[in-house]
Amino acid sequence: MAAFPLYGVGSALLVTKSAGLGLTLVLANSLVVLAIGRILHAIVLPYARVVAHLYLAARILEALLLGVSGGLVYQAGIADAGAPYYRIAMIILGIASLPLLGVLMRVGRMPAWLSWFGIVGYSVFVLGIVADGFGAVGFGLFLVIPGALFEVTFAVWLIVRGFAREPQEPTEPSDPQLP
């Protein structure tokens, strides 16, 4: 949940007299992004090594690109100076999240409804970021809403329920023990 206010407030402050604080918040967001990547990497690694490694690599790239984006805005004082880096970071996040969510659902670490919400949400999110890049800003903003709603829902679900410690498999009634 920290990523939204850190990046949102930070990026808004980058073009104000509090630009230094803004850059600090944007860079703190990059640290949160790295932490999320590392935590989910560890959870998925036992089930799908390639997916886990790709997701971590995507989060590292996202963190770097968001930091560069914030640095460019800070340096130029122009809100859109880092927009291409931001868009690339968000596309990487959206695409890399799809197989991760599939693995989490397949191994029972999160409910299917939440995984599908994320898969659909991130797919539409990526389309929204691409649309925004091609100038359809209003339409693009509309399309990023499902991905943002998934991220909030996922964060709340993790706070309330957490990941299952072990994969949830269907339970079968056991045979009664004979004396």
C-alpha atoms as a PDB file:
ATOM      1  CA  MET A   1       0.000   0.000   0.000  1.00  0.00           C
ATOM      2  CA  ALA A   2       2.996   2.322   0.496  1.00  0.00           C
ATOM      3  CA  ALA A   3       3.808   2.467  -3.221  1.00  0.00           C
ATOM      4  CA  PHE A   4       0.747   4.516  -4.198  1.00  0.00           C
ATOM      5  CA  PRO A   5       1.272   7.436  -1.809  1.00  0.00           C
ATOM      6  CA  LEU A   6       5.058   7.379  -2.136  1.00  0.00           C
ATOM      7  CA  TYR A   7       5.028   7.622  -5.919  1.00  0.00           C
ATOM      8  CA  GLY A   8       1.843   9.679  -6.222  1.00  0.00           C
ATOM      9  CA  VAL A   9       2.780  12.354  -3.690  1.00  0.00           C
ATOM     10  CA  GLY A  10       6.436  12.212  -4.668  1.00  0.00           C
ATOM     11  CA  SER A  11       5.824  12.727  -8.367  1.00  0.00           C
ATOM     12  CA  ALA A  12       3.389  15.575  -7.637  1.00  0.00           C
ATOM     13  CA  LEU A  13       6.023  17.311  -5.503  1.00  0.00           C
ATOM     14  CA  LEU A  14       8.736  17.005  -8.164  1.00  0.00           C
ATOM     15  CA  VAL A  15       7.524  20.164  -9.922  1.00  0.00           C
ATOM     16  CA  THR A  16       7.076  22.248  -6.765  1.00  0.00           C
ATOM     17  CA  LYS A  17       9.357  23.979  -4.300  1.00  0.00           C
ATOM     18  CA  SER A  18       9.436  20.649  -2.436  1.00  0.00           C
ATOM     19  CA  ALA A  19      11.062  18.829  -5.371  1.00  0.00           C
ATOM     20  CA  GLY A  20      13.781  17.386  -3.130  1.00  0.00           C
ATOM     21  CA  LEU A  21      11.195  15.753  -0.898  1.00  0.00           C
ATOM     22  CA  GLY A  22       9.367  14.575  -4.008  1.00  0.00           C
ATOM     23  CA  LEU A  23      12.480  12.886  -5.359  1.00  0.00           C
ATOM     24  CA  THR A  24      13.092  11.274  -1.975  1.00  0.00           C
ATOM     25  CA  LEU A  25       9.549   9.844  -1.986  1.00  0.00           C
ATOM     26  CA  VAL A  26       9.862   8.593  -5.577  1.00  0.00           C
ATOM     27  CA  LEU A  27      13.149   6.875  -4.718  1.00  0.00           C
ATOM     28  CA  ALA A  28      11.563   5.403  -1.574  1.00  0.00           C
ATOM     29  CA  ASN A  29       8.851   4.009  -3.848  1.00  0.00           C
ATOM     30  CA  SER A  30      11.579   2.307  -5.877  1.00  0.00           C
ATOM     31  CA  LEU A  31      12.790   0.626  -2.686  1.00  0.00           C
ATOM     32  CA  VAL A  32       9.242  -0.572  -1.956  1.00  0.00           C
ATOM     33  CA  VAL A  33       8.990  -1.925  -5.519  1.00  0.00           C
ATOM     34  CA  LEU A  34      12.236  -3.840  -4.972  1.00  0.00           C
ATOM     35  CA  ALA A  35      10.948  -5.227  -1.664  1.00  0.00           C
ATOM     36  CA  ILE A  36       7.706  -6.394  -3.292  1.00  0.00           C
ATOM     37  CA  GLY A  37       9.711  -8.086  -6.030  1.00  0.00           C
ATOM     38  CA  ARG A  38      11.965  -9.854  -3.540  1.00  0.00           C
ATOM     39  CA  ILE A  39       9.090 -11.051  -1.359  1.00  0.00           C
ATOM     40  CA  LEU A  40       7.053 -12.418  -4.272  1.00  0.00           C
ATOM     41  CA  HIS A  41      10.199 -13.928  -5.799  1.00  0.00           C
ATOM     42  CA  ALA A  42      10.754 -15.959  -2.639  1.00  0.00           C
ATOM     43  CA  ILE A  43       7.126 -17.107  -2.562  1.00  0.00           C
ATOM     44  CA  VAL A  44       6.977 -18.201  -6.207  1.00  0.00           C
ATOM     45  CA  LEU A  45      10.520 -19.626  -6.509  1.00  0.00           C
ATOM     46  CA  PRO A  46       9.696 -23.132  -5.201  1.00  0.00           C
ATOM     47  CA  TYR A  47       6.931 -23.516  -7.807  1.00  0.00           C
ATOM     48  CA  ALA A  48       8.198 -21.750 -10.931  1.00  0.00           C
ATOM     49  CA  ARG A  49      11.836 -20.652 -10.964  1.00  0.00           C
ATOM     50  CA  VAL A  50      11.722 -18.925 -14.348  1.00  0.00           C
ATOM     51  CA  VAL A  51       8.577 -16.971 -13.472  1.00  0.00           C
ATOM     52  CA  ALA A  52      10.058 -15.984 -10.100  1.00  0.00           C
ATOM     53  CA  HIS A  53      13.313 -14.783 -11.671  1.00  0.00           C
ATOM     54  CA  LEU A  54      11.538 -12.913 -14.476  1.00  0.00           C
ATOM     55  CA  TYR A  55       9.234 -11.209 -11.990  1.00  0.00           C
ATOM     56  CA  LEU A  56      12.149 -10.111  -9.817  1.00  0.00           C
ATOM     57  CA  ALA A  57      14.008  -8.820 -12.886  1.00  0.00           C
ATOM     58  CA  ALA A  58      10.887  -6.916 -13.940  1.00  0.00           C
ATOM     59  CA  ARG A  59      10.572  -5.337 -10.497  1.00  0.00           C
ATOM     60  CA  ILE A  60      14.244  -4.328 -10.563  1.00  0.00           C
ATOM     61  CA  LEU A  61      13.747  -2.707 -13.975  1.00  0.00           C
ATOM     62  CA  GLU A  62      10.560  -1.036 -12.770  1.00  0.00           C
ATOM     63  CA  ALA A  63      12.342   0.389  -9.719  1.00  0.00           C
ATOM     64  CA  LEU A  64      15.208   1.711 -11.844  1.00  0.00           C
ATOM     65  CA  LEU A  65      12.934   3.208 -14.499  1.00  0.00           C
ATOM     66  CA  LEU A  66      10.701   4.905 -11.920  1.00  0.00           C
ATOM     67  CA  GLY A  67      13.785   6.337 -10.230  1.00  0.00           C
ATOM     68  CA  VAL A  68      15.110   7.610 -13.566  1.00  0.00           C
ATOM     69  CA  SER A  69      11.690   9.041 -14.397  1.00  0.00           C
ATOM     70  CA  GLY A  70      11.597  10.930 -11.099  1.00  0.00           C
ATOM     71  CA  GLY A  71      15.170  12.120 -11.564  1.00  0.00           C
ATOM     72  CA  LEU A  72      14.384  13.500 -15.004  1.00  0.00           C
ATOM     73  CA  VAL A  73      11.339  15.386 -13.731  1.00  0.00           C
ATOM     74  CA  TYR A  74      13.391  16.699 -10.794  1.00  0.00           C
ATOM     75  CA  GLN A  75      16.176  17.865 -13.093  1.00  0.00           C
ATOM     76  CA  ALA A  76      13.975  19.393 -15.798  1.00  0.00           C
ATOM     77  CA  GLY A  77      11.166  20.694 -13.585  1.00  0.00           C
ATOM     78  CA  ILE A  78       8.701  19.482 -16.230  1.00  0.00           C
ATOM     79  CA  ALA A  79       6.041  16.976 -15.173  1.00  0.00           C
ATOM     80  CA  ASP A  80       6.181  14.895 -18.370  1.00  0.00           C
ATOM     81  CA  ALA A  81       9.981  14.737 -18.603  1.00  0.00           C
ATOM     82  CA  GLY A  82      10.076  11.147 -17.336  1.00  0.00           C
ATOM     83  CA  ALA A  83       6.818   9.908 -18.862  1.00  0.00           C
ATOM     84  CA  PRO A  84       8.365   7.419 -21.321  1.00  0.00           C
ATOM     85  CA  TYR A  85      10.342   5.758 -18.517  1.00  0.00           C
ATOM     86  CA  TYR A  86       7.233   5.618 -16.331  1.00  0.00           C
ATOM     87  CA  ARG A  87       5.216   4.016 -19.125  1.00  0.00           C
ATOM     88  CA  ILE A  88       7.870   1.409 -19.853  1.00  0.00           C
ATOM     89  CA  ALA A  89       8.082   0.584 -16.126  1.00  0.00           C
ATOM     90  CA  MET A  90       4.324   0.103 -15.897  1.00  0.00           C
ATOM     91  CA  ILE A  91       4.190  -2.059 -19.033  1.00  0.00           C
ATOM     92  CA  ILE A  92       6.973  -4.249 -17.640  1.00  0.00           C
ATOM     93  CA  LEU A  93       5.121  -4.559 -14.309  1.00  0.00           C
ATOM     94  CA  GLY A  94       1.830  -5.458 -15.999  1.00  0.00           C
ATOM     95  CA  ILE A  95       3.284  -8.076 -18.332  1.00  0.00           C
ATOM     96  CA  ALA A  96       5.505  -9.696 -15.677  1.00  0.00           C
ATOM     97  CA  SER A  97       2.606  -9.914 -13.231  1.00  0.00           C
ATOM     98  CA  LEU A  98       0.495 -12.110 -15.519  1.00  0.00           C
ATOM     99  CA  PRO A  99       2.494 -15.360 -15.204  1.00  0.00           C
ATOM    100  CA  LEU A 100       3.170 -14.635 -11.527  1.00  0.00           C
ATOM    101  CA  LEU A 101      -0.550 -14.451 -10.788  1.00  0.00           C
ATOM    102  CA  GLY A 102      -1.134 -17.616 -12.798  1.00  0.00           C
ATOM    103  CA  VAL A 103       1.412 -19.495 -10.693  1.00  0.00           C
ATOM    104  CA  LEU A 104      -0.002 -18.154  -7.412  1.00  0.00           C
ATOM    105  CA  MET A 105      -3.453 -19.343  -8.471  1.00  0.00           C
ATOM    106  CA  ARG A 106      -2.251 -22.720  -9.773  1.00  0.00           C
ATOM    107  CA  VAL A 107      -0.444 -23.612  -6.553  1.00  0.00           C
ATOM    108  CA  GLY A 108      -3.235 -22.369  -4.303  1.00  0.00           C
ATOM    109  CA  ARG A 109      -1.341 -19.461  -2.743  1.00  0.00           C
ATOM    110  CA  MET A 110      -4.173 -17.068  -3.624  1.00  0.00           C
ATOM    111  CA  PRO A 111      -7.800 -17.564  -4.589  1.00  0.00           C
ATOM    112  CA  ALA A 112      -8.703 -17.932  -8.241  1.00  0.00           C
ATOM    113  CA  TRP A 113     -11.066 -14.944  -8.193  1.00  0.00           C
ATOM    114  CA  LEU A 114      -8.265 -12.651  -7.024  1.00  0.00           C
ATOM    115  CA  SER A 115      -5.770 -14.048  -9.534  1.00  0.00           C
ATOM    116  CA  TRP A 116      -8.224 -13.614 -12.399  1.00  0.00           C
ATOM    117  CA  PHE A 117      -9.031 -10.097 -11.199  1.00  0.00           C
ATOM    118  CA  GLY A 118      -5.297  -9.335 -11.400  1.00  0.00           C
ATOM    119  CA  ILE A 119      -4.794 -11.020 -14.773  1.00  0.00           C
ATOM    120  CA  VAL A 120      -7.676  -9.105 -16.341  1.00  0.00           C
ATOM    121  CA  GLY A 121      -6.818  -5.914 -14.451  1.00  0.00           C
ATOM    122  CA  TYR A 122      -3.148  -5.921 -15.467  1.00  0.00           C
ATOM    123  CA  SER A 123      -3.972  -6.827 -19.077  1.00  0.00           C
ATOM    124  CA  VAL A 124      -6.318  -3.857 -19.358  1.00  0.00           C
ATOM    125  CA  PHE A 125      -3.809  -1.742 -17.390  1.00  0.00           C
ATOM    126  CA  VAL A 126      -1.088  -2.404 -19.987  1.00  0.00           C
ATOM    127  CA  LEU A 127      -3.500  -1.424 -22.766  1.00  0.00           C
ATOM    128  CA  GLY A 128      -4.261   1.786 -20.866  1.00  0.00           C
ATOM    129  CA  ILE A 129      -0.592   2.686 -20.522  1.00  0.00           C
ATOM    130  CA  VAL A 130      -0.033   2.026 -24.229  1.00  0.00           C
ATOM    131  CA  ALA A 131      -3.119   4.098 -25.138  1.00  0.00           C
ATOM    132  CA  ASP A 132      -1.831   6.928 -22.950  1.00  0.00           C
ATOM    133  CA  GLY A 133       1.523   6.753 -24.750  1.00  0.00           C
ATOM    134  CA  PHE A 134      -0.238   7.156 -28.072  1.00  0.00           C
ATOM    135  CA  GLY A 135      -2.074  10.251 -26.857  1.00  0.00           C
ATOM    136  CA  ALA A 136      -5.414   8.764 -25.759  1.00  0.00           C
ATOM    137  CA  VAL A 137      -4.871  10.093 -22.244  1.00  0.00           C
ATOM    138  CA  GLY A 138      -8.487   9.990 -21.021  1.00  0.00           C
ATOM    139  CA  PHE A 139      -9.123   6.533 -22.466  1.00  0.00           C
ATOM    140  CA  GLY A 140      -5.772   5.324 -21.158  1.00  0.00           C
ATOM    141  CA  LEU A 141      -6.545   6.616 -17.675  1.00  0.00           C
ATOM    142  CA  PHE A 142      -9.894   4.820 -17.755  1.00  0.00           C
ATOM    143  CA  LEU A 143      -8.166   1.548 -18.699  1.00  0.00           C
ATOM    144  CA  VAL A 144      -5.645   1.679 -15.852  1.00  0.00           C
ATOM    145  CA  ILE A 145      -8.433   1.698 -13.242  1.00  0.00           C
ATOM    146  CA  PRO A 146      -8.943  -2.119 -13.131  1.00  0.00           C
ATOM    147  CA  GLY A 147      -5.222  -2.702 -12.499  1.00  0.00           C
ATOM    148  CA  ALA A 148      -5.158  -0.068  -9.770  1.00  0.00           C
ATOM    149  CA  LEU A 149      -8.259  -1.578  -8.157  1.00  0.00           C
ATOM    150  CA  PHE A 150      -6.611  -5.000  -8.232  1.00  0.00           C
ATOM    151  CA  GLU A 151      -3.479  -3.652  -6.534  1.00  0.00           C
ATOM    152  CA  VAL A 152      -5.524  -2.129  -3.714  1.00  0.00           C
ATOM    153  CA  THR A 153      -7.689  -5.252  -3.387  1.00  0.00           C
ATOM    154  CA  PHE A 154      -4.590  -7.483  -3.391  1.00  0.00           C
ATOM    155  CA  ALA A 155      -2.890  -5.376  -0.720  1.00  0.00           C
ATOM    156  CA  VAL A 156      -5.960  -5.423   1.517  1.00  0.00           C
ATOM    157  CA  TRP A 157      -6.385  -9.179   0.967  1.00  0.00           C
ATOM    158  CA  LEU A 158      -2.729  -9.754   1.947  1.00  0.00           C
ATOM    159  CA  ILE A 159      -3.149  -7.653   5.086  1.00  0.00           C
ATOM    160  CA  VAL A 160      -6.339  -9.468   6.103  1.00  0.00           C
ATOM    161  CA  ARG A 161      -5.628 -13.023   4.893  1.00  0.00           C
ATOM    162  CA  GLY A 162      -1.999 -13.282   3.836  1.00  0.00           C
ATOM    163  CA  PHE A 163      -0.643 -15.960   1.556  1.00  0.00           C
ATOM    164  CA  ALA A 164      -1.416 -19.533   2.414  1.00  0.00           C
ATOM    165  CA  ARG A 165       1.676 -20.987   4.093  1.00  0.00           C
ATOM    166  CA  GLU A 166       1.415 -24.128   2.028  1.00  0.00           C
ATOM    167  CA  PRO A 167      -0.421 -24.706  -1.228  1.00  0.00           C
ATOM    168  CA  GLN A 168      -4.073 -25.352  -0.611  1.00  0.00           C
ATOM    169  CA  GLU A 169      -5.032 -28.715  -2.022  1.00  0.00           C
ATOM    170  CA  PRO A 170      -8.462 -30.261  -1.956  1.00  0.00           C
ATOM    171  CA  THR A 171      -8.918 -32.292   1.172  1.00  0.00           C
ATOM    172  CA  GLU A 172     -10.112 -35.860   0.837  1.00  0.00           C
ATOM    173  CA  PRO A 173     -11.871 -37.638   3.662  1.00  0.00           C
ATOM    174  CA  SER A 174      -9.427 -40.008   5.299  1.00  0.00           C
ATOM    175  CA  ASP A 175     -10.178 -43.648   5.931  1.00  0.00           C
ATOM    176  CA  PRO A 176     -11.194 -44.337   9.498  1.00  0.00           C
ATOM    177  CA  GLN A 177      -8.492 -46.143  11.409  1.00  0.00           C
ATOM    178  CA  LEU A 178      -9.233 -49.715  12.236  1.00  0.00           C
ATOM    179  CA  PRO A 179      -8.686 -50.877  15.848  1.00  0.00           C
END
